[in-house]
């Protein structure tokens, strides 16, 4: 591996690319669980009540933070990609990518504070 290839992988936009792909994978793995719980709500309401009690544990609320963060980061990553394709892009794109990650974390943190509050 050349030094140039290594430097490109340390670039913030390469990291944004990786985070976007990982958040997409995370969300794809979450969807079957989500659909299973939705089906439970329609077919087994008593069992759903037990599952909803389980969601009151702190570890589940922390996982919800991860889910909301994953959703937000994936959405902002998608918007970044749309901007790359449709808008003239200049040097400040690193700042915009960092702002998108920061906004994603803020959204997830607000959700977490509300979940524990």
Protein backbone atom coordinates (compact mmCIF):
# COMPACT_ATOMS: atom_id res chain seq x y z
CA UNK A 1 0.00 0.00 0.00
CA UNK A 2 1.43 3.33 -0.97
CA UNK A 3 1.59 6.30 1.34
CA UNK A 4 -0.89 8.17 -0.90
CA UNK A 5 -3.48 5.37 -0.49
CA UNK A 6 -2.98 5.46 3.29
CA UNK A 7 -3.42 9.23 3.41
CA UNK A 8 -6.64 8.96 1.40
CA UNK A 9 -8.03 6.53 3.96
CA UNK A 10 -7.33 9.00 6.76
CA UNK A 11 -9.24 11.70 4.89
CA UNK A 12 -12.44 12.81 6.71
CA UNK A 13 -14.58 12.20 3.63
CA UNK A 14 -13.26 8.64 3.34
CA UNK A 15 -14.31 8.19 6.98
CA UNK A 16 -17.73 9.69 6.12
CA UNK A 17 -17.99 7.10 3.31
CA UNK A 18 -17.22 4.25 5.74
CA UNK A 19 -19.62 5.56 8.42
CA UNK A 20 -22.39 5.88 5.81
CA UNK A 21 -21.86 2.28 4.67
CA UNK A 22 -21.72 0.94 8.25
CA UNK A 23 -24.84 2.86 9.29
CA UNK A 24 -26.66 1.41 6.27
CA UNK A 25 -25.57 -2.09 7.25
CA UNK A 26 -26.64 -1.47 10.87
CA UNK A 27 -30.07 -0.25 9.75
CA UNK A 28 -30.48 -3.21 7.39
CA UNK A 29 -29.75 -5.57 10.28
CA UNK A 30 -32.23 -3.73 12.51
CA UNK A 31 -35.15 -3.85 10.06
CA UNK A 32 -36.02 -7.56 10.51
CA UNK A 33 -36.30 -7.03 14.29
CA UNK A 34 -38.46 -3.98 13.72
CA UNK A 35 -40.80 -5.87 11.37
CA UNK A 36 -40.97 -8.77 13.84
CA UNK A 37 -42.12 -6.41 16.61
CA UNK A 38 -44.67 -4.81 14.28
CA UNK A 39 -46.05 -8.26 13.43
CA UNK A 40 -46.17 -9.07 17.16
CA UNK A 41 -48.26 -5.94 17.73
CA UNK A 42 -50.83 -7.17 15.23
CA UNK A 43 -50.92 -10.86 16.17
CA UNK A 44 -49.81 -11.22 19.82
CA UNK A 45 -50.65 -8.11 21.88
CA UNK A 46 -49.89 -9.82 25.21
CA UNK A 47 -46.42 -10.80 24.07
CA UNK A 48 -45.89 -7.27 22.77
CA UNK A 49 -46.63 -5.89 26.25
CA UNK A 50 -43.82 -8.04 27.65
CA UNK A 51 -41.47 -6.85 24.95
CA UNK A 52 -42.37 -3.23 25.65
CA UNK A 53 -41.53 -3.74 29.35
CA UNK A 54 -38.12 -5.03 28.21
CA UNK A 55 -37.55 -1.76 26.32
CA UNK A 56 -37.55 0.19 29.61
CA UNK A 57 -34.09 -1.15 30.52
CA UNK A 58 -31.22 1.33 30.27
CA UNK A 59 -29.24 -0.83 27.84
CA UNK A 60 -32.18 -0.82 25.42
CA UNK A 61 -32.47 2.95 25.69
CA UNK A 62 -28.75 3.23 24.96
CA UNK A 63 -29.26 0.98 21.93
CA UNK A 64 -32.08 3.29 20.84
CA UNK A 65 -29.55 6.13 20.97
CA UNK A 66 -27.40 4.08 18.59
CA UNK A 67 -30.37 3.50 16.31
CA UNK A 68 -31.34 7.18 16.19
CA UNK A 69 -27.69 8.13 15.64
CA UNK A 70 -27.45 5.55 12.84
CA UNK A 71 -30.60 6.89 11.20
CA UNK A 72 -29.44 10.49 11.47
CA UNK A 73 -25.90 9.82 10.26
CA UNK A 74 -27.21 7.75 7.36
CA UNK A 75 -29.67 10.48 6.38
CA UNK A 76 -27.03 13.21 6.51
CA UNK A 77 -24.58 10.96 4.66
CA UNK A 78 -27.16 10.49 1.94
CA UNK A 79 -27.69 14.23 1.74
CA UNK A 80 -23.93 14.66 1.44
CA UNK A 81 -23.89 12.23 -1.48
CA UNK A 82 -26.76 14.05 -3.16
CA UNK A 83 -24.87 17.31 -2.72
CA UNK A 84 -21.76 15.74 -4.27
CA UNK A 85 -23.75 14.62 -7.29
CA UNK A 86 -25.97 17.65 -7.82
CA UNK A 87 -24.14 20.70 -6.47
CA UNK A 88 -20.83 22.26 -7.36
CA UNK A 89 -18.56 21.14 -4.51
CA UNK A 90 -15.59 23.01 -3.14
CA UNK A 91 -13.00 22.79 -0.34
CA UNK A 92 -15.48 23.33 2.56
CA UNK A 93 -16.98 19.87 2.05
CA UNK A 94 -14.90 18.56 4.95
CA UNK A 95 -16.59 21.09 7.20
CA UNK A 96 -20.02 20.12 5.89
CA UNK A 97 -19.31 16.43 6.50
CA UNK A 98 -18.21 17.21 10.08
CA UNK A 99 -21.30 19.36 10.59
CA UNK A 100 -23.51 16.51 9.37
CA UNK A 101 -21.88 14.09 11.81
CA UNK A 102 -22.24 16.62 14.64
CA UNK A 103 -25.90 17.25 13.83
CA UNK A 104 -26.51 13.49 13.75
CA UNK A 105 -24.95 13.09 17.19
CA UNK A 106 -26.97 16.03 18.53
CA UNK A 107 -30.25 14.54 17.26
CA UNK A 108 -29.42 11.17 18.83
CA UNK A 109 -28.31 12.77 22.11
CA UNK A 110 -31.55 14.77 22.34
CA UNK A 111 -33.48 11.54 21.80
CA UNK A 112 -31.46 9.81 24.52
CA UNK A 113 -32.05 12.65 27.00
CA UNK A 114 -35.77 12.47 26.32
CA UNK A 115 -35.75 8.66 26.70
CA UNK A 116 -34.13 8.86 30.16
CA UNK A 117 -35.94 12.06 31.19
